[in-house]
Amino acid sequence: MRIAVVSDGDGGGWLRELGDGTPPAPVRRVGDLAAAVREAEHSGGQPPRWVWADTEDLYPDLVRAGVRVSRCHDASLTEALLLGYRARHTEPHSLGAAWARLHDLPVPDDPVRPLGEGTAAQPALFEADRSTLPPGTDRLDALVEVHADQRGRISGLPSPDRMALLVAVESAGALAAVEMSHDGLPWRPEVHDRVLTEILGPRPRSGQRPPVLADLAAQISEVVGHEVNPDSPAQVLRAMAWVGHPVASTRSWVLEGVDHPLVPLLLRYKELARLYSANGWAWLETWVRELPGGGTGDGPRLGRFRPDYVVGGVVSGRWATRGGGALQIPRSVRSAVRADPGWVLVRADAGQLEPRVLAAVSGDGALAAAAAEEDLYARLAAHVGDDRERAKIGLLAAMYGQTSGDAAPLLATMRRLYPHALEYVDAAARTGEGGGIVRSWLGRTSPAPGDWAATVAAADGDRRRRAHGRFTRNFVVQATAAEWALVLLAALRQELPETPEGGGIVFFVHDEVVLHVPADLAEEAVRAIDRAQTRTRRILFGDTPVRFPLAVSVTDCYADL
């Protein structure tokens, strides 16, 4: 059963059951939308699939009211996928835009969402209407109409079941993103503060550098012979030329190629300055909110890091954030990520995911046999002198099109051993070099390259053409790996045992999931992960010999994982 839902912005809303091939049921007005959704979720039998315009707008208030739903159809995310399938990635995809296209009306721009505000963000009772529908348009009628159109467009595709699955797991990802933002990653503010003090020195006054950075800046100036601001790329470039080693860029990999006493100081400064700006005291105050009543007496200060996730924020389907840098928690501050007393963190990490995805999608029997092993690279090593690292380099070079240096002879070996796998990515590269688009396993589509005639006619046309070929070569594997992770996330939401408030999935990045559960549920959580990964393999690839093993660990501190 599907139920379309819109809110009235004041806690209530309208519901309408949608039949398959039958007219929608009458509209039902409810004064307490959260209570109505909760009742439908727990009425017995299979929970409904909720159909709404945008998960980010409606679901946060349901979660704050203690309601979690099992399934949904996000019309905005679905529209983006269907537009992308037709290489129309840049077109607006809100409910209003989809409805306007159906009625041959001017298509409004998508609403601009502000950057995440961290702890300063104030929850509102149901976000303002972002559907961009014309004034006076019945939002529920528009939603029902767009939903029916989207299902029709999906059914008309060459592989409708795959796109339907992609739509379902993309929408499930949106549910998980809201839930993770609400529950937050457990964080100890006092541990974070201690780490910063140990690395950077005491917190400086506003506008000043921490002591360690100030000392490094002084050393840099002393080596150069005059004052240098290491935060200024232009001054660093001039300083490198002054000491007799001009460079074209201040990037770390460029500086690392220079043998001069100034370089280690610059590299260390860059590393610590990045920590200070990206995860320093200002970040801690902005993004980590202490729990009410936490940290009383001699107990630890309990907090939560609540980032603002963007589902499908990258063209490959990977997520992004609107602030807080949740997808790049540096090792230096991971010790601040700690489970609450009596709880544990459970991490599941999919190693060697992309080579295994290539084995599954390409149908290469030899690579699939290697991917049936726990360590794929160890199986390949027998063909390159029992050197696991060389086997890894060779396979990654084959996947990503690296042809220079040590990779060249290894690439030839990989082509001989796994011809079908290499042809799969080679074909994607040829399509890209010809200005074409490629698709993931489920149908996520790469963006069109724009004015291709002008691109190839440019002075550096060959370079651009090859670059787009590398992009499409990578896309078919990386986008499918992102789909694998989404299916895992959706399956895990269904398999996990019920936990108290603040438990469940609290962190997700690419091929890693972290759970926060009471210690007495740790074993059940591990079993749920195993069931979820088995379901994920079967849902995506059927009866494949390829395995996608998850490294699972349980601890109370993320730095130990």
Protein backbone atom coordinates (compact mmCIF):
# COMPACT_ATOMS: atom_id res chain seq x y z
CA MET A 1 0.00 0.00 0.00
CA ARG A 2 1.15 3.51 -0.84
CA ILE A 3 -0.05 6.60 1.01
CA ALA A 4 0.54 10.11 -0.30
CA VAL A 5 1.06 12.67 2.44
CA VAL A 6 1.50 16.42 2.70
CA SER A 7 1.68 18.52 5.85
CA ASP A 8 -0.27 21.65 6.65
CA GLY A 9 2.74 23.26 8.35
CA ASP A 10 0.97 23.20 11.72
CA GLY A 11 1.30 19.57 12.82
CA GLY A 12 -1.55 18.19 10.73
CA GLY A 13 -1.89 17.23 7.10
CA TRP A 14 -3.66 15.25 4.43
CA LEU A 15 -3.37 11.54 3.54
CA ARG A 16 -4.55 9.64 0.50
CA GLU A 17 -4.19 5.92 -0.18
CA LEU A 18 -3.01 5.15 -3.70
CA GLY A 19 -4.14 1.99 -5.44
CA ASP A 20 -2.32 0.14 -8.19
CA GLY A 21 -4.42 0.67 -11.27
CA THR A 22 -7.40 1.95 -9.27
CA PRO A 23 -8.43 5.53 -8.48
CA PRO A 24 -6.91 7.00 -5.32
CA ALA A 25 -8.97 6.76 -2.17
CA PRO A 26 -10.67 9.86 -0.72
CA VAL A 27 -8.50 12.45 1.01
CA ARG A 28 -8.28 12.14 4.76
CA ARG A 29 -7.61 15.24 6.85
CA VAL A 30 -5.71 14.63 10.10
CA GLY A 31 -4.97 17.06 12.89
CA ASP A 32 -1.94 15.15 14.19
CA LEU A 33 0.11 13.94 11.26
CA ALA A 34 2.72 12.18 13.40
CA ALA A 35 0.04 10.19 15.22
CA ALA A 36 -1.63 9.19 11.94
CA VAL A 37 1.66 8.03 10.43
CA ARG A 38 2.54 6.10 13.59
CA GLU A 39 -0.82 4.36 13.56
CA ALA A 40 -0.45 3.32 9.93
CA GLU A 41 3.09 2.04 10.51
CA HIS A 42 1.96 -0.19 13.37
CA SER A 43 -1.48 -1.27 12.18
CA GLY A 44 -0.30 -4.80 11.34
CA GLY A 45 0.86 -6.34 8.09
CA GLN A 46 3.38 -4.72 5.78
CA PRO A 47 3.88 -1.00 6.55
CA PRO A 48 2.86 1.40 3.79
CA ARG A 49 5.25 3.14 1.44
CA TRP A 50 4.85 6.83 2.15
CA VAL A 51 4.81 9.10 -0.88
CA TRP A 52 5.90 12.67 -0.24
CA ALA A 53 7.53 15.54 -2.03
CA ASP A 54 10.82 15.70 -0.15
CA THR A 55 12.08 13.65 2.78
CA GLU A 56 14.23 16.50 4.06
CA ASP A 57 11.16 18.70 4.49
CA LEU A 58 8.63 16.35 6.09
CA TYR A 59 10.45 13.51 7.81
CA PRO A 60 12.55 15.43 10.39
CA ASP A 61 9.45 16.49 12.30
CA LEU A 62 8.08 12.97 12.31
CA VAL A 63 11.38 11.72 13.73
CA ARG A 64 11.38 14.45 16.37
CA ALA A 65 7.89 13.27 17.31
CA GLY A 66 9.23 9.75 17.83
CA VAL A 67 7.99 8.31 14.52
CA ARG A 68 10.17 6.19 12.22
CA VAL A 69 8.80 4.93 8.93
CA SER A 70 9.90 1.83 7.07
CA ARG A 71 9.66 2.93 3.45
CA CYS A 72 9.01 5.98 1.34
CA HIS A 73 8.98 7.33 -2.20
CA ASP A 74 10.80 10.67 -2.34
CA ALA A 75 9.37 12.46 -5.39
CA SER A 76 12.20 14.99 -5.57
CA LEU A 77 14.99 12.39 -5.49
CA THR A 78 13.06 10.21 -7.94
CA GLU A 79 12.66 13.10 -10.36
CA ALA A 80 16.39 13.77 -10.20
CA LEU A 81 17.16 10.14 -11.07
CA LEU A 82 14.69 10.07 -13.96
CA LEU A 83 15.94 13.36 -15.35
CA GLY A 84 19.49 12.11 -15.02
CA TYR A 85 18.59 8.99 -16.96
CA ARG A 86 17.79 11.28 -19.89
CA ALA A 87 21.03 13.23 -19.35
CA ARG A 88 19.10 16.22 -17.95
CA HIS A 89 20.99 16.44 -14.67
CA THR A 90 20.91 20.22 -14.38
CA GLU A 91 17.12 20.60 -14.63
CA PRO A 92 15.10 21.37 -11.46
CA HIS A 93 13.62 18.31 -9.76
CA SER A 94 11.33 19.61 -7.00
CA LEU A 95 7.68 18.59 -6.92
CA GLY A 96 6.75 21.94 -8.43
CA ALA A 97 9.22 21.50 -11.28
CA ALA A 98 7.96 17.99 -12.04
CA TRP A 99 4.33 19.16 -11.97
CA ALA A 100 5.09 22.16 -14.20
CA ARG A 101 6.66 19.92 -16.84
CA LEU A 102 3.54 17.75 -16.84
CA HIS A 103 1.40 20.82 -17.56
CA ASP A 104 3.78 22.53 -20.02
CA LEU A 105 4.22 25.45 -17.65
CA PRO A 106 7.39 27.42 -16.90
CA VAL A 107 9.58 25.24 -14.70
CA PRO A 108 10.58 26.94 -11.44
CA ASP A 109 14.09 26.73 -10.06
CA ASP A 110 14.70 24.39 -7.18
CA PRO A 111 14.71 26.09 -3.76
CA VAL A 112 18.15 26.84 -2.38
CA ARG A 113 18.85 25.08 0.86
CA PRO A 114 21.08 26.97 3.29
CA LEU A 115 24.32 25.50 4.54
CA GLY A 116 23.98 23.47 7.71
CA GLU A 117 24.12 25.54 10.87
CA GLY A 118 25.15 22.80 13.29
CA THR A 119 23.99 23.33 16.86
CA ALA A 120 22.60 26.77 15.93
CA ALA A 121 19.93 25.17 13.74
CA GLN A 122 16.50 25.54 15.29
CA PRO A 123 13.96 22.79 14.52
CA ALA A 124 10.76 24.18 13.07
CA LEU A 125 7.36 22.52 13.00
CA PHE A 126 7.33 21.13 9.46
CA GLU A 127 9.55 23.07 7.09
CA ALA A 128 8.09 25.72 4.82
CA ASP A 129 6.69 24.39 1.56
CA ARG A 130 9.64 23.87 -0.81
CA SER A 131 7.60 22.21 -3.52
CA THR A 132 7.66 25.42 -5.69
CA LEU A 133 4.10 24.78 -6.83
CA PRO A 134 2.10 27.77 -8.10
CA PRO A 135 -0.04 29.48 -5.44
CA GLY A 136 -3.43 27.85 -5.09
CA THR A 137 -2.31 24.48 -6.46
CA ASP A 138 -3.53 21.55 -4.39
CA ARG A 139 -0.27 20.00 -3.19
CA LEU A 140 -1.75 16.56 -2.54
CA ASP A 141 -3.31 16.38 -6.02
CA ALA A 142 -0.02 17.53 -7.54
CA LEU A 143 1.92 14.93 -5.58
CA VAL A 144 -0.44 12.12 -6.62
CA GLU A 145 -0.19 13.19 -10.26
CA VAL A 146 3.62 13.43 -10.25
CA HIS A 147 3.95 10.11 -8.45
CA ALA A 148 1.77 8.37 -11.05
CA ASP A 149 3.81 9.93 -13.84
CA GLN A 150 7.07 8.85 -12.27
CA ARG A 151 5.91 5.26 -11.90
CA GLY A 152 4.83 5.30 -15.53
CA ARG A 153 8.21 6.61 -16.67
CA ILE A 154 9.98 3.94 -14.64
CA SER A 155 7.85 1.16 -16.12
CA GLY A 156 8.72 2.39 -19.61
CA LEU A 157 12.48 2.03 -19.16
CA PRO A 158 14.44 -0.90 -20.61
CA SER A 159 15.20 -2.18 -17.10
CA PRO A 160 12.29 -0.92 -14.97
CA ASP A 161 12.95 -3.26 -12.04
CA ARG A 162 16.46 -1.92 -11.62
CA MET A 163 15.39 1.72 -11.68
CA ALA A 164 12.54 0.94 -9.28
CA LEU A 165 15.09 -0.56 -6.90
CA LEU A 166 17.35 2.48 -7.27
CA VAL A 167 14.44 4.80 -6.49
CA ALA A 168 13.52 2.72 -3.45
CA VAL A 169 17.02 2.62 -1.95
CA GLU A 170 17.71 6.29 -2.74
CA SER A 171 14.54 7.12 -0.82
CA ALA A 172 15.56 4.75 1.99
CA GLY A 173 18.89 6.54 2.13
CA ALA A 174 17.04 9.81 2.62
CA LEU A 175 15.20 8.29 5.60
CA ALA A 176 18.47 7.08 7.10
CA ALA A 177 20.10 10.48 6.57
CA VAL A 178 17.38 12.25 8.54
CA GLU A 179 17.52 9.64 11.30
CA MET A 180 21.30 9.89 11.59
CA SER A 181 21.15 13.68 11.74
CA HIS A 182 18.59 13.42 14.51
CA ASP A 183 20.34 10.72 16.56
CA GLY A 184 23.84 12.06 15.98
CA LEU A 185 27.24 10.46 16.29
CA PRO A 186 28.20 10.15 19.99
CA TRP A 187 30.93 12.67 20.73
CA ARG A 188 32.88 13.61 23.88
CA PRO A 189 33.56 17.38 23.84
CA GLU A 190 36.14 17.19 26.64
CA VAL A 191 38.13 14.55 24.76
CA HIS A 192 38.09 16.64 21.60
CA ASP A 193 39.25 19.69 23.55
CA ARG A 194 42.06 17.67 25.13
CA VAL A 195 43.22 16.37 21.75
CA LEU A 196 43.31 19.87 20.30
CA THR A 197 45.25 21.18 23.28
CA GLU A 198 47.77 18.36 23.05
CA ILE A 199 48.34 18.91 19.33
CA LEU A 200 47.94 22.68 18.93
CA GLY A 201 48.49 24.05 22.43
CA PRO A 202 45.93 25.98 24.51
CA ARG A 203 43.02 27.55 22.69
CA PRO A 204 44.09 30.97 21.38
CA ARG A 205 42.20 34.22 21.56
CA SER A 206 40.08 35.13 18.57
CA GLY A 207 42.19 36.13 15.59
CA GLN A 208 45.37 34.53 16.88
CA ARG A 209 47.10 31.28 15.94
CA PRO A 210 47.33 28.40 18.42
CA PRO A 211 50.80 28.29 20.03
CA VAL A 212 52.10 25.37 17.96
CA LEU A 213 51.03 26.99 14.70
CA ALA A 214 52.50 30.31 15.80
CA ASP A 215 55.80 28.61 16.57
CA LEU A 216 55.84 26.87 13.18
CA ALA A 217 55.10 30.16 11.42
CA ALA A 218 58.05 31.75 13.25
CA GLN A 219 60.35 28.87 12.25
CA ILE A 220 59.25 29.17 8.62
CA SER A 221 60.04 32.88 8.60
CA GLU A 222 63.42 32.23 10.23
CA VAL A 223 64.41 29.66 7.59
CA VAL A 224 63.38 31.99 4.75
CA GLY A 225 65.08 35.00 6.31
CA HIS A 226 62.05 37.28 6.39
CA GLU A 227 58.46 37.13 7.62
CA VAL A 228 56.21 34.72 5.75
CA ASN A 229 52.53 34.11 6.28
CA PRO A 230 52.19 30.34 5.71
CA ASP A 231 48.42 30.74 5.31
CA SER A 232 49.05 32.73 2.10
CA PRO A 233 49.78 30.52 -0.95
CA ALA A 234 51.24 33.50 -2.79
CA GLN A 235 53.72 34.19 0.02
CA VAL A 236 54.66 30.52 0.25
CA LEU A 237 55.34 30.42 -3.50
CA ARG A 238 57.56 33.48 -3.21
CA ALA A 239 59.33 31.97 -0.20
CA MET A 240 60.08 28.75 -2.09
CA ALA A 241 61.53 30.76 -4.97
CA TRP A 242 63.53 32.87 -2.48
CA VAL A 243 65.24 29.76 -1.06
CA GLY A 244 66.06 28.55 -4.54
CA HIS A 245 63.32 25.99 -5.10
CA PRO A 246 60.51 27.57 -7.15
CA VAL A 247 57.37 25.43 -7.38
CA ALA A 248 54.20 25.75 -9.42
CA SER A 249 51.84 24.96 -6.55
CA THR A 250 51.72 24.80 -2.75
CA ARG A 251 49.97 21.43 -2.81
CA SER A 252 51.52 18.95 -0.41
CA TRP A 253 52.49 16.43 -3.08
CA VAL A 254 54.36 19.17 -4.97
CA LEU A 255 56.23 20.34 -1.88
CA GLU A 256 57.12 16.78 -0.93
CA GLY A 257 59.27 16.56 -4.04
CA VAL A 258 61.58 19.33 -2.83
CA ASP A 259 64.58 18.63 -0.61
CA HIS A 260 64.93 21.70 1.60
CA PRO A 261 64.62 22.32 5.39
CA LEU A 262 61.67 24.65 4.73
CA VAL A 263 59.47 21.89 3.31
CA PRO A 264 58.90 19.79 6.48
CA LEU A 265 57.90 22.95 8.35
CA LEU A 266 55.43 23.95 5.63
CA LEU A 267 53.93 20.48 5.45
CA ARG A 268 53.50 20.26 9.21
CA TYR A 269 51.93 23.72 9.28
CA LYS A 270 49.49 22.78 6.50
CA GLU A 271 48.48 19.62 8.35
CA LEU A 272 47.85 21.34 11.67
CA ALA A 273 46.23 24.41 10.13
CA ARG A 274 43.79 22.09 8.36
CA LEU A 275 42.92 20.45 11.68
CA TYR A 276 42.48 23.83 13.36
CA SER A 277 40.19 25.22 10.64
CA ALA A 278 38.21 22.06 9.84
CA ASN A 279 37.85 20.42 13.27
CA GLY A 280 39.12 22.93 15.80
CA TRP A 281 37.39 24.60 18.73
CA ALA A 282 35.05 26.63 16.50
CA TRP A 283 33.91 23.43 14.77
CA LEU A 284 33.37 21.76 18.14
CA GLU A 285 31.13 24.59 19.35
CA THR A 286 29.22 24.73 16.05
CA TRP A 287 28.62 21.06 15.37
CA VAL A 288 28.63 19.15 18.67
CA ARG A 289 25.70 19.64 20.99
CA GLU A 290 25.96 18.40 24.56
CA LEU A 291 23.06 16.28 25.75
CA PRO A 292 20.83 17.77 28.44
CA GLY A 293 21.93 16.50 31.83
CA GLY A 294 25.11 14.94 30.41
CA GLY A 295 28.44 15.45 32.08
CA THR A 296 27.12 16.08 35.58
CA GLY A 297 29.41 15.31 38.50
CA ASP A 298 32.49 13.30 37.56
CA GLY A 299 30.89 11.63 34.55
CA PRO A 300 31.86 12.26 30.93
CA ARG A 301 30.32 15.08 28.91
CA LEU A 302 28.06 13.38 26.40
CA GLY A 303 27.46 15.08 23.07
CA ARG A 304 26.21 14.43 19.57
CA PHE A 305 27.63 15.43 16.20
CA ARG A 306 24.66 16.01 13.89
CA PRO A 307 25.72 16.73 10.29
CA ASP A 308 23.38 17.74 7.50
CA TYR A 309 23.65 14.95 4.91
CA VAL A 310 22.90 15.39 1.19
CA VAL A 311 21.75 12.10 -0.33
CA GLY A 312 23.09 11.64 -3.86
CA GLY A 313 25.07 14.84 -3.47
CA VAL A 314 27.71 13.58 -5.92
CA VAL A 315 26.93 12.50 -9.49
CA SER A 316 28.09 8.95 -8.70
CA GLY A 317 25.43 8.67 -6.00
CA ARG A 318 27.77 9.15 -3.08
CA TRP A 319 26.59 11.43 -0.30
CA ALA A 320 27.78 14.91 0.59
CA THR A 321 27.13 17.24 3.54
CA ARG A 322 26.15 20.89 3.86
CA GLY A 323 28.68 21.47 6.59
CA GLY A 324 30.52 19.82 9.42
CA GLY A 325 32.67 17.56 7.26
CA ALA A 326 31.04 14.33 8.43
CA LEU A 327 32.53 12.42 5.52
CA GLN A 328 36.09 13.27 6.55
CA ILE A 329 36.55 12.80 10.29
CA PRO A 330 40.35 13.01 10.70
CA ARG A 331 42.14 10.33 12.67
CA SER A 332 43.47 12.89 15.12
CA VAL A 333 40.00 13.57 16.60
CA ARG A 334 38.42 10.12 16.24
CA SER A 335 39.18 9.39 19.89
CA ALA A 336 36.41 11.89 20.72
CA VAL A 337 33.86 9.59 19.06
CA ARG A 338 32.90 7.36 21.99
CA ALA A 339 29.88 5.31 22.87
CA ASP A 340 27.72 6.35 25.79
CA PRO A 341 28.28 4.45 29.07
CA GLY A 342 26.81 0.97 28.69
CA TRP A 343 26.74 1.27 24.91
CA VAL A 344 29.16 0.25 22.12
CA LEU A 345 30.02 1.25 18.57
CA VAL A 346 29.73 -1.43 15.89
CA ARG A 347 31.53 -0.71 12.65
CA ALA A 348 31.05 -2.56 9.36
CA ASP A 349 33.55 -1.78 6.62
CA ALA A 350 33.38 -3.21 3.08
CA GLY A 351 36.96 -3.75 1.99
CA GLN A 352 37.88 -4.12 -1.69
CA LEU A 353 34.35 -3.08 -2.62
CA GLU A 354 34.94 -1.63 -6.07
CA PRO A 355 36.99 -4.56 -7.48
CA ARG A 356 34.28 -6.92 -6.23
CA VAL A 357 31.62 -4.77 -7.87
CA LEU A 358 33.54 -4.94 -11.14
CA ALA A 359 33.68 -8.73 -10.87
CA ALA A 360 29.91 -8.90 -10.37
CA VAL A 361 28.81 -6.47 -13.08
CA SER A 362 31.27 -7.61 -15.76
CA GLY A 363 30.50 -11.31 -15.50
CA ASP A 364 34.21 -12.12 -15.62
CA GLY A 365 34.36 -15.67 -14.25
CA ALA A 366 38.04 -15.55 -13.34
CA LEU A 367 37.74 -12.30 -11.42
CA ALA A 368 34.53 -13.52 -9.79
CA ALA A 369 36.39 -16.63 -8.60
CA ALA A 370 39.04 -14.39 -7.05
CA ALA A 371 36.31 -12.20 -5.52
CA ALA A 372 34.78 -15.28 -3.90
CA GLU A 373 37.77 -15.24 -1.54
CA GLU A 374 38.05 -13.26 1.68
CA ASP A 375 41.09 -11.37 0.35
CA LEU A 376 40.76 -10.77 -3.38
CA TYR A 377 44.25 -9.30 -3.75
CA ALA A 378 45.90 -12.30 -2.10
CA ARG A 379 44.28 -14.53 -4.73
CA LEU A 380 45.61 -12.31 -7.52
CA ALA A 381 49.10 -12.16 -6.03
CA ALA A 382 49.97 -15.64 -7.34
CA HIS A 383 50.07 -14.15 -10.83
CA VAL A 384 52.50 -11.33 -10.01
CA GLY A 385 55.23 -13.02 -8.00
CA ASP A 386 53.19 -13.58 -4.82
CA ASP A 387 53.29 -9.82 -4.19
CA ARG A 388 49.91 -8.73 -2.81
CA GLU A 389 50.69 -5.03 -3.09
CA ARG A 390 51.61 -5.36 -6.76
CA ALA A 391 48.41 -7.30 -7.37
CA LYS A 392 46.43 -4.47 -5.80
CA ILE A 393 48.22 -1.86 -7.91
CA GLY A 394 47.62 -3.87 -11.06
CA LEU A 395 43.90 -4.33 -10.53
CA LEU A 396 43.32 -0.72 -9.51
CA ALA A 397 45.32 0.43 -12.55
CA ALA A 398 43.12 -1.74 -14.72
CA MET A 399 39.96 -0.32 -13.17
CA TYR A 400 40.96 3.33 -13.31
CA GLY A 401 42.93 3.38 -16.55
CA GLN A 402 46.40 4.04 -15.20
CA THR A 403 48.93 3.15 -17.90
CA SER A 404 52.19 4.74 -16.78
CA GLY A 405 55.00 3.75 -14.40
CA ASP A 406 54.94 0.45 -12.55
CA ALA A 407 51.29 -0.07 -13.50
CA ALA A 408 51.95 -0.68 -17.21
CA PRO A 409 53.33 -4.27 -17.04
CA LEU A 410 50.79 -5.17 -14.34
CA LEU A 411 47.98 -3.84 -16.51
CA ALA A 412 49.00 -6.20 -19.31
CA THR A 413 48.82 -9.12 -16.86
CA MET A 414 45.37 -8.07 -15.68
CA ARG A 415 44.12 -7.83 -19.25
CA ARG A 416 45.28 -11.36 -19.92
CA LEU A 417 43.78 -12.77 -16.71
CA TYR A 418 40.48 -10.86 -16.64
CA PRO A 419 39.56 -9.91 -20.22
CA HIS A 420 35.81 -9.50 -19.60
CA ALA A 421 36.31 -7.22 -16.60
CA LEU A 422 38.77 -5.04 -18.48
CA GLU A 423 36.53 -4.86 -21.52
CA TYR A 424 33.66 -3.71 -19.29
CA VAL A 425 35.55 -0.61 -18.12
CA ASP A 426 37.31 -0.15 -21.47
CA ALA A 427 33.92 0.04 -23.18
CA ALA A 428 32.77 2.66 -20.68
CA ALA A 429 35.94 4.64 -21.38
CA ARG A 430 35.40 4.47 -25.15
CA THR A 431 31.86 5.72 -24.68
CA GLY A 432 33.13 8.65 -22.67
CA GLU A 433 35.88 9.46 -25.15
CA GLY A 434 33.17 9.64 -27.80
CA GLY A 435 31.11 12.11 -25.77
CA GLY A 436 28.57 9.54 -24.60
CA ILE A 437 26.99 8.69 -21.25
CA VAL A 438 27.16 5.48 -19.22
CA ARG A 439 24.98 3.94 -16.54
CA SER A 440 25.48 2.14 -13.27
CA TRP A 441 24.10 -1.33 -12.62
CA LEU A 442 20.73 0.07 -11.49
CA GLY A 443 20.58 2.94 -13.99
CA ARG A 444 22.16 6.00 -12.40
CA THR A 445 23.47 7.94 -15.37
CA SER A 446 26.64 9.94 -15.88
CA PRO A 447 26.23 13.61 -16.88
CA ALA A 448 26.56 14.54 -20.53
CA PRO A 449 29.85 16.33 -21.26
CA GLY A 450 28.30 19.53 -22.62
CA ASP A 451 29.33 21.04 -25.97
CA TRP A 452 31.30 18.03 -27.13
CA ALA A 453 32.14 19.43 -30.56
CA ALA A 454 33.78 22.47 -28.98
CA THR A 455 35.53 20.27 -26.44
CA VAL A 456 37.26 18.04 -28.97
CA ALA A 457 38.02 20.99 -31.25
CA ALA A 458 39.88 22.84 -28.50
CA ALA A 459 43.67 22.97 -28.47
CA ASP A 460 43.72 20.42 -25.66
CA GLY A 461 40.79 18.44 -27.07
CA ASP A 462 42.56 15.08 -26.90
CA ARG A 463 43.34 15.58 -23.22
CA ARG A 464 39.75 16.53 -22.44
CA ARG A 465 38.42 13.60 -24.43
CA ARG A 466 40.64 11.15 -22.54
CA ALA A 467 39.69 12.78 -19.23
CA HIS A 468 36.00 12.23 -19.91
CA GLY A 469 36.79 8.65 -20.84
CA ARG A 470 38.50 8.14 -17.49
CA PHE A 471 35.45 9.66 -15.78
CA THR A 472 32.98 7.28 -17.46
CA ARG A 473 35.36 4.36 -16.88
CA ASN A 474 35.32 5.08 -13.17
CA PHE A 475 31.63 5.95 -13.05
CA VAL A 476 30.27 2.51 -13.97
CA VAL A 477 32.10 0.96 -11.01
CA GLN A 478 31.94 3.77 -8.45
CA ALA A 479 28.24 4.49 -8.99
CA THR A 480 27.40 0.79 -8.66
CA ALA A 481 29.49 0.62 -5.47
CA ALA A 482 27.42 3.54 -4.15
CA GLU A 483 24.28 1.54 -4.98
CA TRP A 484 25.63 -1.47 -3.10
CA ALA A 485 26.12 0.76 -0.06
CA LEU A 486 22.59 2.16 -0.37
CA VAL A 487 21.06 -1.30 -0.56
CA LEU A 488 23.09 -2.32 2.49
CA LEU A 489 21.88 0.74 4.37
CA ALA A 490 18.25 0.02 3.47
CA ALA A 491 18.59 -3.65 4.45
CA LEU A 492 20.30 -2.76 7.70
CA ARG A 493 17.45 -0.41 8.66
CA GLN A 494 15.12 -3.40 8.40
CA GLU A 495 17.39 -5.97 10.06
CA LEU A 496 18.57 -4.05 13.11
CA PRO A 497 16.92 -4.77 16.46
CA GLU A 498 14.88 -2.00 18.01
CA THR A 499 17.09 0.21 20.19
CA PRO A 500 16.41 3.00 22.67
CA GLU A 501 16.51 6.64 21.58
CA GLY A 502 19.87 7.53 20.06
CA GLY A 503 20.62 3.99 18.90
CA GLY A 504 20.93 2.45 15.46
CA ILE A 505 22.86 3.72 12.44
CA VAL A 506 24.75 6.85 13.43
CA PHE A 507 27.41 7.19 10.74
CA PHE A 508 27.65 6.29 7.06
CA VAL A 509 30.38 7.14 4.58
CA HIS A 510 30.81 5.44 1.18
CA ASP A 511 31.45 1.82 2.24
CA GLU A 512 31.42 2.12 6.03
CA VAL A 513 28.54 2.03 8.51
CA VAL A 514 28.79 2.66 12.27
CA LEU A 515 26.08 1.66 14.73
CA HIS A 516 25.54 2.85 18.30
CA VAL A 517 23.76 0.20 20.37
CA PRO A 518 23.43 -0.89 23.99
CA ALA A 519 26.20 -3.34 24.86
CA ASP A 520 23.72 -6.17 25.43
CA LEU A 521 22.51 -5.79 21.82
CA ALA A 522 25.98 -5.86 20.26
CA GLU A 523 25.86 -9.51 19.21
CA GLU A 524 22.42 -9.10 17.67
CA ALA A 525 23.63 -6.02 15.80
CA VAL A 526 26.54 -8.02 14.36
CA ARG A 527 24.13 -10.74 13.22
CA ALA A 528 21.92 -8.06 11.65
CA ILE A 529 24.90 -6.76 9.68
CA ASP A 530 25.60 -10.26 8.38
CA ARG A 531 21.99 -10.72 7.30
CA ALA A 532 21.99 -7.29 5.64
CA GLN A 533 25.13 -7.94 3.60
CA THR A 534 23.75 -11.29 2.42
CA ARG A 535 20.50 -9.65 1.35
CA THR A 536 22.40 -6.85 -0.38
CA ARG A 537 24.40 -9.26 -2.55
CA ARG A 538 21.31 -11.21 -3.57
CA ILE A 539 19.13 -8.16 -4.21
CA LEU A 540 21.71 -6.54 -6.46
CA PHE A 541 23.44 -9.42 -8.21
CA GLY A 542 21.38 -12.54 -7.63
CA ASP A 543 23.24 -15.85 -7.47
CA THR A 544 26.74 -14.45 -7.98
CA PRO A 545 29.86 -16.19 -6.64
CA VAL A 546 31.26 -12.78 -5.75
CA ARG A 547 31.33 -12.09 -2.04
CA PHE A 548 31.28 -8.71 -0.33
CA PRO A 549 32.71 -9.44 3.12
CA LEU A 550 32.30 -6.84 5.83
CA ALA A 551 34.98 -6.34 8.46
CA VAL A 552 32.97 -5.94 11.67
CA SER A 553 34.42 -4.64 14.94
CA VAL A 554 32.92 -3.69 18.28
CA THR A 555 34.42 -1.16 20.67
CA ASP A 556 33.54 1.94 22.67
CA CYS A 557 35.90 4.30 20.79
CA TYR A 558 35.94 5.03 17.05
CA ALA A 559 39.71 5.51 17.08
CA ASP A 560 40.06 1.81 17.95
CA LEU A 561 38.03 0.63 14.96
